[in-house]
Amino acid sequence: KTDPLLGTWKQNPEKSTPKPPPGTVSVRQYLLRPDGFMVTIFAGVNAQGNPNFLQNTWKYDGKDYPQYTQVSLPDFSAGGVKPGTAAYRAVDAYTTELNQKDGFGKAIFTGVRTRVISKDGKTLTDTSKGTNARGQAVNTVGVFDKVQ
């Protein structure tokens, strides 16, 4: 069976909370490699017009996999600075739990982070509810529509 996550997704700002600032664009792509690894590519532009990205290659096994961003990739490439990680665990065919850590292995978020795909495969909802590394409450819902 094909993973319903595969494909390209674009954020729906009207359905996301908090609503992203005007001018913000966020697109995600999930690809499956022949060796069973999933490849995640997030690309976007923030409200100031600055590009951002995230890339990682992982499996649904709960292990930590490196996660590269526009900030961590240059540091890793130039100086070997260890990037943060993400660990994914499938709850069921449509739901994934995610845990992220910084480059020192410390959780950057405490709480529940889930990614749920609608049964019709057209909507991805990414929810974070808990506390960030600075002790601030986090309650976000990113809604993404399937593009392809």
Foldseek 3Di string as FASTA:
>chain_A
DDQLQAAKWWWDQVPKPPRADPPKTKMWHWDADPVGKIWIKIWIAHPVRHIKIKIWIGHQPQDWTFIDMPPRPVCCVPPVQAAKTKGWHDPDSFKIWIWIGGSVRHTQWPDTWMWGADPVSFKIWTFHAGAGPVRDTDTIIIIIGGPD
